[in-house]
Amino acid sequence: MSSKITIIKNGHFLVPGSDKPVLSGYMTLDDDLITYIGEAEPAVEDGAQVVDGSRLLFMPGLVNTHGHTAMSLLRGYGDDMVLQTWLQEKMWPMEEKFTGDDVYWGTSLSVLEMLKGGTTTFLDMYDHMDRVAEVTEQSGIRAVLMRGVIGLCPEDVQQSKLAEAIAFARNWHGKADGRITTMLSPHAPYTCPPEFFMKFVQAAHDLDLPMHTHMSETRHEVEQNVADYGLRPVAHLEKLGMFTRPSLIAHGVHLNDEEIGILARHNVGVSHNPGSNLKLASGVARVPELLRAGVKVSLGTDSAASNNNLDMFEEMRLAALIHKGVSGDPTAVPAPEALLMATEYGAQSIFLSGVGRLAAGMKADFIALDIDQPHMLPHTDLLSHAVYSASAKDVEHVWVNGQQVVKHGQCLTLDEEAIRHKAQETFESLLKR
């Protein structure tokens, strides 16, 4: 079968971390791969699809490294509450009612929002994960999926959940033309007893898969871990063997210097969720210190129930701003670093080697922003504009794996009208159950 060649002409391209972070010129694709990016016009065979890149800024697709997509159904259902109260009184009682169909429509709503907002890869830990994988397969998005497991239950239920998590990881890894990869995910050290947590570590070794968990999100959680096990969460997870596997932890808000050193030594990534952490008053993670120690820090939205949107541009901007304000150092997280956290560092954190940069040989996962707008002018520094001025609503086009999935702001792979209707209908149904 002949390959599909595309050339983008006269565009502006973001290449953070390079000698020339904003490049004006051309980019070519061959099926699912970028084959060229540069200022000189390349020779392209007749019949290639041509995209006019003028008035557009092309950048790597955004990578959302922590979330629970089906929880979009609970957006705005519980606001301005302490985390544990929010979970125990608002979230968990509603989530207990979720069926596979509910998860399907909640995930569809989130994926639609993410694609239209420039997110091309997301991580999801939740229940009914086969339905999440269905939406991923249908929509064309890239995802790292896992069955998140809470172990506060009888041993037979624990075993059933573990078997379900293993089966999902085994069945879906590498599916959807390689767009789906999997991990193993005990929910958190405070919701999974040590013996149960270690069974996930063993399963991760058996399947040769990475691990993901919530950790040190609140000060109370850290204090409870010390009371229960005599160790802070990082040392506790190190003792349980989690860091013998490639690992990503979500939040990491309350870390001391010793813990940052342990994470760096084991190459453990941290998914920084500034919007959710601020809204739940969990605190502000020590991101500048993590970065200085060599810890790979990425960005996540968490769920739309605690954020309340999935706008990764907003997370980038928050990550760049709050650490300046907290530290008093305007260079704490500069714009190029924030952009890397949302793209290349994100892909590396979830163990995707071919995603996150615009470069020859990388997967063609990228987006185009409309820069012919008042808030994007003048074109002084387009990388700065992407971080400090842009929002999800500025996304004009989206490609994943070489396929265009959003064109002129319209999703080409999902039925937006049906999803909007079903999401509202599903929430109203949940209230009545």
Protein backbone atom coordinates (compact mmCIF):
# COMPACT_ATOMS: atom_id res chain seq x y z
CA MET A 1 0.00 0.00 0.00
CA SER A 2 1.38 3.43 -0.91
CA SER A 3 2.27 5.77 1.91
CA LYS A 4 0.43 9.00 2.64
CA ILE A 5 2.67 12.07 2.31
CA THR A 6 1.69 15.43 3.79
CA ILE A 7 3.60 18.70 3.68
CA ILE A 8 2.84 21.70 5.87
CA LYS A 9 4.06 24.93 4.27
CA ASN A 10 4.76 28.39 5.68
CA GLY A 11 4.04 27.45 9.28
CA HIS A 12 5.60 28.41 12.60
CA PHE A 13 6.79 25.40 14.61
CA LEU A 14 7.65 25.12 18.31
CA VAL A 15 10.75 23.09 19.09
CA PRO A 16 11.39 23.75 22.82
CA GLY A 17 14.80 22.79 24.13
CA SER A 18 16.49 23.31 20.76
CA ASP A 19 18.82 26.09 19.60
CA LYS A 20 15.92 27.61 17.66
CA PRO A 21 12.73 27.03 19.70
CA VAL A 22 10.51 28.81 17.15
CA LEU A 23 11.15 27.75 13.57
CA SER A 24 9.43 29.15 10.47
CA GLY A 25 9.25 26.80 7.50
CA TYR A 26 8.05 23.33 6.61
CA MET A 27 7.17 19.95 8.08
CA THR A 28 6.52 16.71 6.19
CA LEU A 29 4.74 13.55 7.30
CA ASP A 30 4.82 10.04 5.91
CA ASP A 31 1.83 8.16 7.31
CA ASP A 32 2.24 8.28 11.12
CA LEU A 33 5.76 9.76 11.26
CA ILE A 34 7.31 13.19 10.92
CA THR A 35 9.99 12.93 8.23
CA TYR A 36 11.29 16.50 8.02
CA ILE A 37 11.09 19.83 9.79
CA GLY A 38 13.13 22.83 8.74
CA GLU A 39 13.36 26.26 7.14
CA ALA A 40 14.25 25.03 3.64
CA GLU A 41 11.43 23.78 1.45
CA PRO A 42 11.88 20.02 0.93
CA ALA A 43 11.34 18.19 -2.35
CA VAL A 44 8.06 16.31 -2.13
CA GLU A 45 6.62 13.88 -4.65
CA ASP A 46 3.57 14.78 -6.71
CA GLY A 47 0.25 13.96 -5.08
CA ALA A 48 1.29 14.91 -1.55
CA GLN A 49 -1.38 16.54 0.56
CA VAL A 50 -0.52 20.21 1.14
CA VAL A 51 -1.52 22.07 4.32
CA ASP A 52 -1.26 25.86 4.37
CA GLY A 53 0.43 26.67 7.65
CA SER A 54 0.24 30.44 7.42
CA ARG A 55 -1.35 32.12 10.47
CA LEU A 56 -0.90 28.87 12.40
CA LEU A 57 1.48 27.81 15.16
CA PHE A 58 2.31 24.09 15.14
CA MET A 59 3.45 22.41 18.33
CA PRO A 60 3.64 18.92 19.83
CA GLY A 61 0.33 17.55 21.04
CA LEU A 62 -0.17 18.02 24.77
CA VAL A 63 0.31 15.02 27.06
CA ASN A 64 -1.99 14.79 30.10
CA THR A 65 -0.24 12.42 32.53
CA HIS A 66 -2.91 11.99 35.20
CA GLY A 67 -6.69 11.81 35.12
CA HIS A 68 -9.92 9.92 35.54
CA THR A 69 -11.82 10.66 32.36
CA ALA A 70 -15.25 9.26 33.30
CA MET A 71 -15.41 11.68 36.23
CA SER A 72 -16.30 14.46 33.79
CA LEU A 73 -19.87 13.37 34.61
CA LEU A 74 -19.29 14.82 38.10
CA ARG A 75 -17.96 18.19 36.94
CA GLY A 76 -19.22 20.80 39.42
CA TYR A 77 -20.96 18.20 41.59
CA GLY A 78 -18.74 18.86 44.62
CA ASP A 79 -16.75 22.10 44.84
CA ASP A 80 -14.82 24.02 47.52
CA MET A 81 -14.30 21.01 49.77
CA VAL A 82 -11.40 19.30 51.55
CA LEU A 83 -10.10 16.32 49.56
CA GLN A 84 -11.11 13.49 51.91
CA THR A 85 -14.57 15.00 52.52
CA TRP A 86 -15.00 15.58 48.78
CA LEU A 87 -14.06 11.95 48.07
CA GLN A 88 -16.05 10.29 50.84
CA GLU A 89 -19.22 12.40 50.74
CA LYS A 90 -19.52 13.40 47.07
CA MET A 91 -17.34 11.36 44.69
CA TRP A 92 -17.23 7.80 45.98
CA PRO A 93 -20.99 7.46 46.63
CA MET A 94 -21.75 8.58 43.06
CA GLU A 95 -18.94 6.55 41.52
CA GLU A 96 -20.29 3.39 43.16
CA LYS A 97 -23.32 3.78 40.87
CA PHE A 98 -21.25 3.99 37.66
CA THR A 99 -21.95 1.33 35.07
CA GLY A 100 -19.84 0.54 32.03
CA ASP A 101 -22.14 2.70 29.91
CA ASP A 102 -21.73 5.63 32.31
CA VAL A 103 -17.95 5.32 32.03
CA TYR A 104 -18.23 5.16 28.24
CA TRP A 105 -20.16 8.43 28.00
CA GLY A 106 -18.11 10.22 30.67
CA THR A 107 -14.92 9.18 28.89
CA SER A 108 -16.37 10.24 25.54
CA LEU A 109 -17.10 13.70 26.97
CA SER A 110 -13.55 14.01 28.31
CA VAL A 111 -11.85 12.74 25.15
CA LEU A 112 -13.91 15.13 23.05
CA GLU A 113 -12.85 18.02 25.31
CA MET A 114 -9.21 16.93 25.27
CA LEU A 115 -8.94 16.48 21.50
CA LYS A 116 -10.62 19.80 20.76
CA GLY A 117 -8.27 21.39 23.31
CA GLY A 118 -5.04 20.01 21.85
CA THR A 119 -4.39 17.03 24.11
CA THR A 120 -3.25 14.11 21.94
CA THR A 121 -2.24 11.68 24.72
CA PHE A 122 -3.82 11.07 28.11
CA LEU A 123 -3.33 8.75 31.06
CA ASP A 124 -6.39 7.25 32.72
CA MET A 125 -6.73 5.17 35.86
CA TYR A 126 -10.29 4.10 36.61
CA ASP A 127 -12.82 1.26 36.53
CA HIS A 128 -14.66 -0.33 33.56
CA MET A 129 -11.48 0.29 31.59
CA ASP A 130 -12.58 -1.77 28.58
CA ARG A 131 -15.09 1.00 27.87
CA VAL A 132 -12.36 3.66 28.18
CA ALA A 133 -10.30 1.68 25.69
CA GLU A 134 -13.30 1.56 23.32
CA VAL A 135 -13.53 5.35 23.29
CA THR A 136 -9.78 5.62 22.78
CA GLU A 137 -9.91 3.25 19.83
CA GLN A 138 -12.86 5.07 18.22
CA SER A 139 -11.59 8.62 18.74
CA GLY A 140 -8.06 8.25 17.42
CA ILE A 141 -6.45 9.69 20.57
CA ARG A 142 -3.38 8.11 22.17
CA ALA A 143 -3.69 6.82 25.75
CA VAL A 144 -1.95 5.02 28.58
CA LEU A 145 -4.68 3.12 30.40
CA MET A 146 -4.89 1.16 33.63
CA ARG A 147 -7.45 -0.26 36.02
CA GLY A 148 -7.06 1.85 39.17
CA VAL A 149 -7.65 -0.36 42.21
CA ILE A 150 -8.68 0.57 45.77
CA GLY A 151 -7.80 -2.26 48.16
CA LEU A 152 -9.98 -1.37 51.14
CA CYS A 153 -12.08 -4.51 50.73
CA PRO A 154 -12.10 -8.22 51.63
CA GLU A 155 -9.27 -10.38 50.28
CA ASP A 156 -11.44 -12.17 47.71
CA VAL A 157 -12.53 -8.81 46.28
CA GLN A 158 -8.90 -7.66 46.25
CA GLN A 159 -7.94 -10.74 44.26
CA SER A 160 -10.77 -10.17 41.79
CA LYS A 161 -9.72 -6.55 41.25
CA LEU A 162 -6.07 -7.51 40.80
CA ALA A 163 -7.02 -10.18 38.25
CA GLU A 164 -9.14 -7.62 36.40
CA ALA A 165 -6.26 -5.12 36.34
CA ILE A 166 -3.85 -7.75 35.01
CA ALA A 167 -6.28 -8.96 32.36
CA PHE A 168 -6.94 -5.43 31.13
CA ALA A 169 -3.23 -4.61 30.97
CA ARG A 170 -2.47 -7.79 29.07
CA ASN A 171 -5.42 -7.56 26.66
CA TRP A 172 -5.07 -3.92 25.61
CA HIS A 173 -1.33 -3.23 25.62
CA GLY A 174 -0.30 -2.22 22.09
CA LYS A 175 -3.84 -2.19 20.71
CA ALA A 176 -5.54 0.48 18.55
CA ASP A 177 -2.62 0.56 16.10
CA GLY A 178 -0.25 0.96 19.02
CA ARG A 179 -2.05 4.02 20.40
CA ILE A 180 -2.98 2.21 23.62
CA THR A 181 -0.36 1.14 26.13
CA THR A 182 -1.05 -0.01 29.68
CA MET A 183 0.32 0.21 33.22
CA LEU A 184 -0.58 -1.25 36.61
CA SER A 185 -2.10 1.07 39.17
CA PRO A 186 -2.84 0.48 42.84
CA HIS A 187 -4.81 3.63 43.70
CA ALA A 188 -2.64 4.93 46.56
CA PRO A 189 -0.61 3.70 49.53
CA TYR A 190 -3.42 4.87 51.85
CA THR A 191 -6.09 2.87 49.97
CA CYS A 192 -4.03 -0.29 49.33
CA PRO A 193 -2.63 -2.35 52.23
CA PRO A 194 1.11 -3.12 51.87
CA GLU A 195 0.67 -6.82 51.01
CA PHE A 196 -1.86 -5.96 48.32
CA PHE A 197 0.37 -3.20 46.92
CA MET A 198 3.25 -5.66 46.63
CA LYS A 199 1.08 -7.98 44.53
CA PHE A 200 0.82 -5.17 41.97
CA VAL A 201 4.58 -4.77 42.00
CA GLN A 202 4.98 -8.47 41.28
CA ALA A 203 2.38 -8.32 38.50
CA ALA A 204 4.23 -5.36 36.96
CA HIS A 205 7.41 -7.44 36.94
CA ASP A 206 5.57 -10.41 35.44
CA LEU A 207 4.07 -8.31 32.65
CA ASP A 208 7.10 -6.00 32.29
CA LEU A 209 4.90 -2.91 32.67
CA PRO A 210 5.33 0.42 34.49
CA MET A 211 3.37 1.48 37.57
CA HIS A 212 1.34 4.54 38.54
CA THR A 213 -0.21 5.64 41.84
CA HIS A 214 -1.39 8.70 43.79
CA MET A 215 1.14 9.79 46.40
CA SER A 216 1.66 12.58 48.96
CA GLU A 217 -1.23 14.65 47.65
CA THR A 218 -2.14 16.07 51.07
CA ARG A 219 -0.31 16.70 54.33
CA HIS A 220 -2.88 14.54 56.14
CA GLU A 221 -2.11 11.61 53.84
CA VAL A 222 1.61 11.84 54.68
CA GLU A 223 0.92 12.04 58.42
CA GLN A 224 -1.45 9.06 58.21
CA ASN A 225 1.18 7.01 56.37
CA VAL A 226 3.69 7.69 59.14
CA ALA A 227 1.10 6.77 61.80
CA ASP A 228 0.13 3.54 60.03
CA TYR A 229 3.47 2.30 58.73
CA GLY A 230 6.20 4.35 60.42
CA LEU A 231 7.36 5.76 57.09
CA ARG A 232 6.59 8.69 54.84
CA PRO A 233 4.99 7.61 51.52
CA VAL A 234 8.16 7.71 49.37
CA ALA A 235 10.15 5.48 51.72
CA HIS A 236 7.06 3.28 52.14
CA LEU A 237 6.71 2.72 48.38
CA GLU A 238 10.45 2.18 48.06
CA LYS A 239 10.22 -0.53 50.74
CA LEU A 240 7.25 -2.15 48.96
CA GLY A 241 9.36 -2.38 45.79
CA MET A 242 7.35 -0.07 43.54
CA PHE A 243 10.44 1.78 42.39
CA THR A 244 12.00 -1.45 41.12
CA ARG A 245 9.60 -0.87 38.23
CA PRO A 246 9.53 2.21 35.97
CA SER A 247 7.13 4.43 37.91
CA LEU A 248 5.09 7.62 37.77
CA ILE A 249 3.46 9.13 40.85
CA ALA A 250 0.64 11.65 40.74
CA HIS A 251 0.78 14.88 42.77
CA GLY A 252 3.85 14.58 45.01
CA VAL A 253 2.82 17.82 46.71
CA HIS A 254 4.32 17.15 50.14
CA LEU A 255 7.88 15.96 49.62
CA ASN A 256 10.99 16.71 51.66
CA ASP A 257 14.54 16.91 50.31
CA GLU A 258 15.31 13.28 51.17
CA GLU A 259 12.22 12.08 49.30
CA ILE A 260 13.07 14.15 46.24
CA GLY A 261 16.49 12.48 46.30
CA ILE A 262 14.94 9.01 46.43
CA LEU A 263 12.64 9.77 43.48
CA ALA A 264 15.59 11.11 41.48
CA ARG A 265 17.72 8.07 42.29
CA HIS A 266 15.02 5.70 41.04
CA ASN A 267 14.07 7.84 38.00
CA VAL A 268 10.49 8.14 39.27
CA GLY A 269 8.41 10.72 37.38
CA VAL A 270 6.00 13.14 39.04
CA SER A 271 2.72 14.23 37.43
CA HIS A 272 2.20 17.80 38.63
CA ASN A 273 -1.53 18.71 38.76
CA PRO A 274 -1.51 22.40 39.71
CA GLY A 275 -5.17 23.19 38.98
CA SER A 276 -6.59 20.29 40.96
CA ASN A 277 -4.11 20.72 43.82
CA LEU A 278 -5.00 24.41 44.14
CA LYS A 279 -8.75 23.82 44.01
CA LEU A 280 -8.63 21.13 46.69
CA ALA A 281 -6.17 23.23 48.75
CA SER A 282 -3.76 20.30 48.75
CA GLY A 283 -0.79 22.63 48.39
CA VAL A 284 1.86 23.50 45.82
CA ALA A 285 4.36 20.84 44.78
CA ARG A 286 8.08 21.64 44.96
CA VAL A 287 8.48 21.59 41.21
CA PRO A 288 11.62 23.77 40.89
CA GLU A 289 13.41 21.56 43.42
CA LEU A 290 12.22 18.40 41.64
CA LEU A 291 13.46 19.69 38.30
CA ARG A 292 16.82 20.73 39.77
CA ALA A 293 17.22 17.23 41.24
CA GLY A 294 16.68 15.69 37.81
CA VAL A 295 13.17 14.33 38.46
CA LYS A 296 11.04 14.19 35.33
CA VAL A 297 8.04 16.45 36.02
CA SER A 298 5.02 16.33 33.71
CA LEU A 299 1.57 17.91 33.84
CA GLY A 300 -1.87 16.47 34.45
CA THR A 301 -5.34 17.88 34.87
CA ASP A 302 -6.64 15.19 37.24
CA SER A 303 -10.38 14.75 36.71
CA ALA A 304 -12.87 17.36 35.55
CA ALA A 305 -14.54 16.84 38.93
CA SER A 306 -11.60 18.47 40.72
CA ASN A 307 -10.27 20.88 38.10
CA ASN A 308 -12.98 21.56 36.53
CA ASN A 309 -11.75 21.43 32.94
CA LEU A 310 -9.19 19.44 30.97
CA ASP A 311 -7.41 22.44 29.47
CA MET A 312 -3.71 21.59 29.42
CA PHE A 313 -2.86 25.14 28.34
CA GLU A 314 -4.28 26.26 31.66
CA GLU A 315 -2.09 23.72 33.49
CA MET A 316 0.97 24.96 31.62
CA ARG A 317 0.24 28.54 32.55
CA LEU A 318 -0.45 27.65 36.18
CA ALA A 319 2.77 25.63 36.38
CA ALA A 320 4.73 28.57 35.01
CA LEU A 321 3.05 31.12 37.30
CA ILE A 322 2.47 29.61 40.73
CA HIS A 323 6.08 28.60 41.31
CA LYS A 324 7.18 32.15 40.50
CA GLY A 325 4.71 33.47 43.06
CA VAL A 326 5.56 30.96 45.79
CA SER A 327 9.34 31.22 45.38
CA GLY A 328 9.67 34.89 44.54
CA ASP A 329 11.84 33.81 41.61
CA PRO A 330 10.48 34.76 38.14
CA THR A 331 12.81 32.18 36.57
CA ALA A 332 11.50 29.27 38.71
CA VAL A 333 9.60 27.61 35.85
CA PRO A 334 10.22 29.53 32.61
CA ALA A 335 7.89 29.18 29.63
CA PRO A 336 10.09 26.71 27.67
CA GLU A 337 10.28 24.42 30.72
CA ALA A 338 6.50 24.56 31.22
CA LEU A 339 6.00 23.65 27.56
CA LEU A 340 8.39 20.70 27.88
CA MET A 341 6.49 19.54 30.98
CA ALA A 342 3.29 19.47 28.91
CA THR A 343 4.85 17.68 25.92
CA GLU A 344 8.21 15.90 25.87
CA TYR A 345 8.57 15.38 29.63
CA GLY A 346 4.99 14.13 29.68
CA ALA A 347 5.65 11.53 27.01
CA GLN A 348 8.82 10.40 28.77
CA SER A 349 6.98 10.18 32.09
CA ILE A 350 4.52 7.66 30.66
CA PHE A 351 7.24 5.77 28.79
CA LEU A 352 6.38 6.78 25.22
CA SER A 353 9.69 7.24 23.39
CA GLY A 354 8.36 8.40 20.01
CA VAL A 355 5.98 11.12 21.22
CA GLY A 356 6.28 14.68 22.51
CA ARG A 357 8.53 16.51 20.04
CA LEU A 358 8.37 17.84 16.51
CA ALA A 359 11.37 16.10 14.95
CA ALA A 360 12.10 13.69 12.12
CA GLY A 361 11.38 10.13 13.21
CA MET A 362 8.84 11.11 15.87
CA LYS A 363 5.18 10.16 15.77
CA ALA A 364 2.99 12.71 13.99
CA ASP A 365 1.09 13.82 17.10
CA PHE A 366 0.79 17.59 16.82
CA ILE A 367 -1.61 20.52 16.95
CA ALA A 368 -2.05 23.90 15.28
CA LEU A 369 -3.09 27.09 17.07
CA ASP A 370 -4.77 30.06 15.42
CA ILE A 371 -2.31 32.90 16.08
CA ASP A 372 -4.19 35.49 14.01
CA GLN A 373 -6.12 36.68 17.06
CA PRO A 374 -5.85 39.79 19.26
CA HIS A 375 -4.50 37.92 22.31
CA MET A 376 -1.81 36.24 20.17
CA LEU A 377 -0.49 39.47 18.64
CA PRO A 378 2.05 40.86 18.05
CA HIS A 379 4.18 37.81 17.26
CA THR A 380 7.01 38.79 19.60
CA ASP A 381 7.64 35.33 21.07
CA LEU A 382 5.31 32.55 19.94
CA LEU A 383 6.57 30.10 22.54
CA SER A 384 5.72 32.60 25.25
CA HIS A 385 2.29 33.11 23.69
CA ALA A 386 1.64 29.34 23.70
CA VAL A 387 2.24 29.22 27.46
CA TYR A 388 1.04 32.60 28.75
CA SER A 389 -1.63 33.67 26.22
CA ALA A 390 -3.17 30.60 24.59
CA SER A 391 -6.03 28.39 25.74
CA ALA A 392 -7.73 25.22 24.56
CA LYS A 393 -10.14 27.32 22.51
CA ASP A 394 -7.28 28.47 20.24
CA VAL A 395 -6.73 24.95 18.86
CA GLU A 396 -7.60 24.87 15.16
CA HIS A 397 -6.33 21.45 14.03
CA VAL A 398 -5.15 18.23 15.69
CA TRP A 399 -3.30 15.20 14.31
CA VAL A 400 -2.65 11.94 16.18
CA ASN A 401 -0.57 9.15 14.70
CA GLY A 402 -0.60 11.03 11.39
CA GLN A 403 -4.40 11.19 11.19
CA GLN A 404 -6.23 14.50 11.43
CA VAL A 405 -8.82 14.16 14.19
CA VAL A 406 -9.80 17.84 14.61
CA LYS A 407 -10.25 20.23 11.68
CA HIS A 408 -11.18 23.88 12.12
CA GLY A 409 -12.15 23.11 15.71
CA GLN A 410 -14.52 20.25 14.82
CA CYS A 411 -13.82 16.70 15.95
CA LEU A 412 -13.81 14.34 12.96
CA THR A 413 -13.97 11.06 14.88
CA LEU A 414 -16.66 11.51 17.54
CA ASP A 415 -20.33 12.55 17.39
CA GLU A 416 -20.21 15.71 19.50
CA GLU A 417 -23.96 16.30 19.55
CA ALA A 418 -24.67 12.75 20.74
CA ILE A 419 -21.97 12.94 23.41
CA ARG A 420 -23.26 16.24 24.80
CA HIS A 421 -26.80 14.85 24.99
CA LYS A 422 -25.81 11.50 26.53
CA ALA A 423 -23.49 13.10 29.11
CA GLN A 424 -26.27 15.28 30.46
CA GLU A 425 -28.77 12.42 30.36
CA THR A 426 -26.34 10.10 32.17
CA PHE A 427 -25.70 12.56 34.99
CA GLU A 428 -29.43 13.07 35.53
CA SER A 429 -29.87 9.31 35.61
CA LEU A 430 -27.10 8.96 38.24
CA LEU A 431 -28.91 11.41 40.53
CA LYS A 432 -32.05 9.26 40.45
CA ARG A 433 -30.41 5.92 41.23
